[in-house]
C-alpha atoms as a PDB file:
ATOM      1  CA  UNK A   1      24.236  -7.542  23.905  1.00  0.00           C
ATOM      2  CA  UNK A   2      26.178 -10.285  22.093  1.00  0.00           C
ATOM      3  CA  UNK A   3      22.972 -11.941  20.906  1.00  0.00           C
ATOM      4  CA  UNK A   4      21.820  -8.651  19.414  1.00  0.00           C
ATOM      5  CA  UNK A   5      25.123  -8.211  17.589  1.00  0.00           C
ATOM      6  CA  UNK A   6      24.928 -11.807  16.380  1.00  0.00           C
ATOM      7  CA  UNK A   7      21.375 -11.290  15.094  1.00  0.00           C
ATOM      8  CA  UNK A   8      22.432  -8.145  13.259  1.00  0.00           C
ATOM      9  CA  UNK A   9      25.349  -9.965  11.628  1.00  0.00           C
ATOM     10  CA  UNK A  10      23.107 -12.881  10.613  1.00  0.00           C
ATOM     11  CA  UNK A  11      20.600 -10.456   9.067  1.00  0.00           C
ATOM     12  CA  UNK A  12      23.329  -8.760   7.025  1.00  0.00           C
ATOM     13  CA  UNK A  13      24.605 -12.123   5.831  1.00  0.00           C
ATOM     14  CA  UNK A  14      21.102 -13.346   4.914  1.00  0.00           C
ATOM     15  CA  UNK A  15      18.993 -10.354   3.871  1.00  0.00           C
ATOM     16  CA  UNK A  16      15.299 -10.930   3.144  1.00  0.00           C
ATOM     17  CA  UNK A  17      14.622 -11.807  -0.495  1.00  0.00           C
ATOM     18  CA  UNK A  18      14.134  -8.984  -2.962  1.00  0.00           C
ATOM     19  CA  UNK A  19      11.736  -9.564  -5.808  1.00  0.00           C
ATOM     20  CA  UNK A  20       8.721  -8.861  -7.942  1.00  0.00           C
ATOM     21  CA  UNK A  21       5.244  -9.618  -6.641  1.00  0.00           C
ATOM     22  CA  UNK A  22       1.723  -9.837  -7.997  1.00  0.00           C
ATOM     23  CA  UNK A  23      -1.609  -9.255  -6.290  1.00  0.00           C
ATOM     24  CA  UNK A  24      -4.263 -11.085  -8.310  1.00  0.00           C
ATOM     25  CA  UNK A  25      -8.015 -10.639  -8.076  1.00  0.00           C
ATOM     26  CA  UNK A  26      -9.572 -14.069  -8.664  1.00  0.00           C
ATOM     27  CA  UNK A  27     -12.987 -12.588  -9.518  1.00  0.00           C
ATOM     28  CA  UNK A  28     -12.068 -10.211 -12.343  1.00  0.00           C
ATOM     29  CA  UNK A  29      -8.490 -11.407 -13.039  1.00  0.00           C
ATOM     30  CA  UNK A  30      -7.028  -7.909 -12.568  1.00  0.00           C
ATOM     31  CA  UNK A  31      -3.469  -7.815 -11.263  1.00  0.00           C
ATOM     32  CA  UNK A  32      -1.135  -5.405  -9.568  1.00  0.00           C
ATOM     33  CA  UNK A  33       2.615  -5.812 -10.056  1.00  0.00           C
ATOM     34  CA  UNK A  34       5.305  -4.265  -7.887  1.00  0.00           C
ATOM     35  CA  UNK A  35       8.755  -4.923  -6.495  1.00  0.00           C
ATOM     36  CA  UNK A  36      10.556  -4.521  -3.193  1.00  0.00           C
ATOM     37  CA  UNK A  37      13.937  -5.109  -1.627  1.00  0.00           C
ATOM     38  CA  UNK A  38      12.057  -7.108   1.041  1.00  0.00           C
ATOM     39  CA  UNK A  39       9.283  -8.665  -1.023  1.00  0.00           C
ATOM     40  CA  UNK A  40       7.641 -10.671   1.777  1.00  0.00           C
ATOM     41  CA  UNK A  41       7.650  -7.646   4.063  1.00  0.00           C
ATOM     42  CA  UNK A  42       6.118  -5.503   1.325  1.00  0.00           C
ATOM     43  CA  UNK A  43       3.313  -8.008   0.708  1.00  0.00           C
ATOM     44  CA  UNK A  44       2.583  -8.137   4.440  1.00  0.00           C
ATOM     45  CA  UNK A  45       2.465  -4.333   4.513  1.00  0.00           C
ATOM     46  CA  UNK A  46       0.065  -4.163   1.561  1.00  0.00           C
ATOM     47  CA  UNK A  47      -2.202  -6.785   3.140  1.00  0.00           C
ATOM     48  CA  UNK A  48      -2.242  -4.815   6.396  1.00  0.00           C
ATOM     49  CA  UNK A  49      -3.033  -1.595   4.514  1.00  0.00           C
ATOM     50  CA  UNK A  50      -5.893  -3.172   2.548  1.00  0.00           C
ATOM     51  CA  UNK A  51      -7.372  -4.692   5.708  1.00  0.00           C
ATOM     52  CA  UNK A  52      -7.291  -1.270   7.388  1.00  0.00           C
ATOM     53  CA  UNK A  53      -8.842   0.474   4.350  1.00  0.00           C
ATOM     54  CA  UNK A  54      -5.947   2.920   4.203  1.00  0.00           C
ATOM     55  CA  UNK A  55      -6.444   3.476   0.443  1.00  0.00           C
ATOM     56  CA  UNK A  56      -3.002   2.502  -0.793  1.00  0.00           C
ATOM     57  CA  UNK A  57      -4.420   2.260  -4.308  1.00  0.00           C
ATOM     58  CA  UNK A  58      -8.009   3.391  -4.922  1.00  0.00           C
ATOM     59  CA  UNK A  59      -9.075   0.807  -7.530  1.00  0.00           C
ATOM     60  CA  UNK A  60      -7.410  -2.084  -5.709  1.00  0.00           C
ATOM     61  CA  UNK A  61      -8.967  -1.010  -2.414  1.00  0.00           C
ATOM     62  CA  UNK A  62     -12.411  -0.658  -4.033  1.00  0.00           C
ATOM     63  CA  UNK A  63     -12.246  -4.210  -5.392  1.00  0.00           C
ATOM     64  CA  UNK A  64     -10.911  -5.484  -2.045  1.00  0.00           C
ATOM     65  CA  UNK A  65     -13.889  -3.860  -0.313  1.00  0.00           C
ATOM     66  CA  UNK A  66     -16.329  -5.231  -2.914  1.00  0.00           C
ATOM     67  CA  UNK A  67     -15.048  -8.811  -3.270  1.00  0.00           C
ATOM     68  CA  UNK A  68     -13.350  -9.389   0.089  1.00  0.00           C
ATOM     69  CA  UNK A  69      -9.940 -10.747   1.004  1.00  0.00           C
ATOM     70  CA  UNK A  70     -10.757 -14.278  -0.176  1.00  0.00           C
ATOM     71  CA  UNK A  71     -10.871 -12.981  -3.779  1.00  0.00           C
ATOM     72  CA  UNK A  72      -7.177 -12.019  -3.746  1.00  0.00           C
ATOM     73  CA  UNK A  73      -3.946 -13.970  -4.039  1.00  0.00           C
ATOM     74  CA  UNK A  74      -0.542 -12.522  -3.136  1.00  0.00           C
ATOM     75  CA  UNK A  75       2.258 -14.125  -5.142  1.00  0.00           C
ATOM     76  CA  UNK A  76       5.998 -13.696  -5.568  1.00  0.00           C
ATOM     77  CA  UNK A  77       6.738 -13.841  -9.295  1.00  0.00           C
ATOM     78  CA  UNK A  78      10.524 -13.591  -9.159  1.00  0.00           C
ATOM     79  CA  UNK A  79      13.272 -13.238  -6.571  1.00  0.00           C
ATOM     80  CA  UNK A  80      16.682 -11.632  -6.946  1.00  0.00           C
ATOM     81  CA  UNK A  81      19.786 -12.557  -5.040  1.00  0.00           C
ATOM     82  CA  UNK A  82      22.691 -10.154  -4.488  1.00  0.00           C
ATOM     83  CA  UNK A  83      25.535 -10.405  -6.973  1.00  0.00           C
ATOM     84  CA  UNK A  84      28.586 -12.378  -5.867  1.00  0.00           C
ATOM     85  CA  UNK A  85      30.425 -10.495  -3.160  1.00  0.00           C
ATOM     86  CA  UNK A  86      27.521  -8.100  -2.549  1.00  0.00           C
ATOM     87  CA  UNK A  87      25.240  -8.000   0.490  1.00  0.00           C
ATOM     88  CA  UNK A  88      22.247  -6.375  -1.217  1.00  0.00           C
ATOM     89  CA  UNK A  89      20.405  -6.438  -4.514  1.00  0.00           C
ATOM     90  CA  UNK A  90      21.013  -3.584  -6.955  1.00  0.00           C
ATOM     91  CA  UNK A  91      17.786  -1.493  -6.915  1.00  0.00           C
ATOM     92  CA  UNK A  92      18.178  -0.712 -10.627  1.00  0.00           C
ATOM     93  CA  UNK A  93      18.327  -4.427 -11.409  1.00  0.00           C
ATOM     94  CA  UNK A  94      15.177  -4.977  -9.335  1.00  0.00           C
ATOM     95  CA  UNK A  95      13.358  -2.160 -11.152  1.00  0.00           C
ATOM     96  CA  UNK A  96      14.376  -3.641 -14.521  1.00  0.00           C
ATOM     97  CA  UNK A  97      12.991  -7.025 -13.456  1.00  0.00           C
ATOM     98  CA  UNK A  98       9.714  -5.377 -12.421  1.00  0.00           C
ATOM     99  CA  UNK A  99       9.463  -3.614 -15.783  1.00  0.00           C
ATOM    100  CA  UNK A 100      10.071  -6.919 -17.563  1.00  0.00           C
ATOM    101  CA  UNK A 101       7.138  -8.490 -15.711  1.00  0.00           C
ATOM    102  CA  UNK A 102       4.913  -5.481 -16.418  1.00  0.00           C
ATOM    103  CA  UNK A 103       5.788  -5.732 -20.109  1.00  0.00           C
ATOM    104  CA  UNK A 104       4.969  -9.435 -20.089  1.00  0.00           C
ATOM    105  CA  UNK A 105       1.698  -9.268 -18.105  1.00  0.00           C
ATOM    106  CA  UNK A 106       0.439  -5.777 -19.061  1.00  0.00           C
ATOM    107  CA  UNK A 107      -1.309  -4.988 -15.739  1.00  0.00           C
ATOM    108  CA  UNK A 108      -2.985  -1.818 -17.055  1.00  0.00           C
ATOM    109  CA  UNK A 109      -6.523  -0.652 -17.734  1.00  0.00           C
ATOM    110  CA  UNK A 110      -9.031  -3.490 -17.764  1.00  0.00           C
ATOM    111  CA  UNK A 111      -6.256  -6.027 -17.081  1.00  0.00           C
ATOM    112  CA  UNK A 112      -4.845  -4.533 -13.937  1.00  0.00           C
ATOM    113  CA  UNK A 113      -4.372  -1.931 -11.265  1.00  0.00           C
ATOM    114  CA  UNK A 114      -1.034  -0.477 -12.367  1.00  0.00           C
ATOM    115  CA  UNK A 115      -0.841   2.869 -14.107  1.00  0.00           C
ATOM    116  CA  UNK A 116       1.494   3.573 -16.968  1.00  0.00           C
END
């Protein structure tokens, strides 16, 4: 039981990184931008969903099915750390960072999979 408590404490002291990610299609250069409080976990979940054809996002899934997994790159664009004295990232700050990246990269229409 002590090891479980210790693991829980260590997790709280070192939460997984929050951040903004990009899924990039190397064939047509379209991108999808998103954010998550656990960015690595989110990317793993999206990969799993695409591999299982669960239709997370219709256009992204269609291109995944057409071009195959080797045509896609999963990248972390930016990571956020909790403010001093905090144990978690402010979700509003994370959303603002995501919006900044969307403004910069414009992942809409012919350039990407995001919707306005």
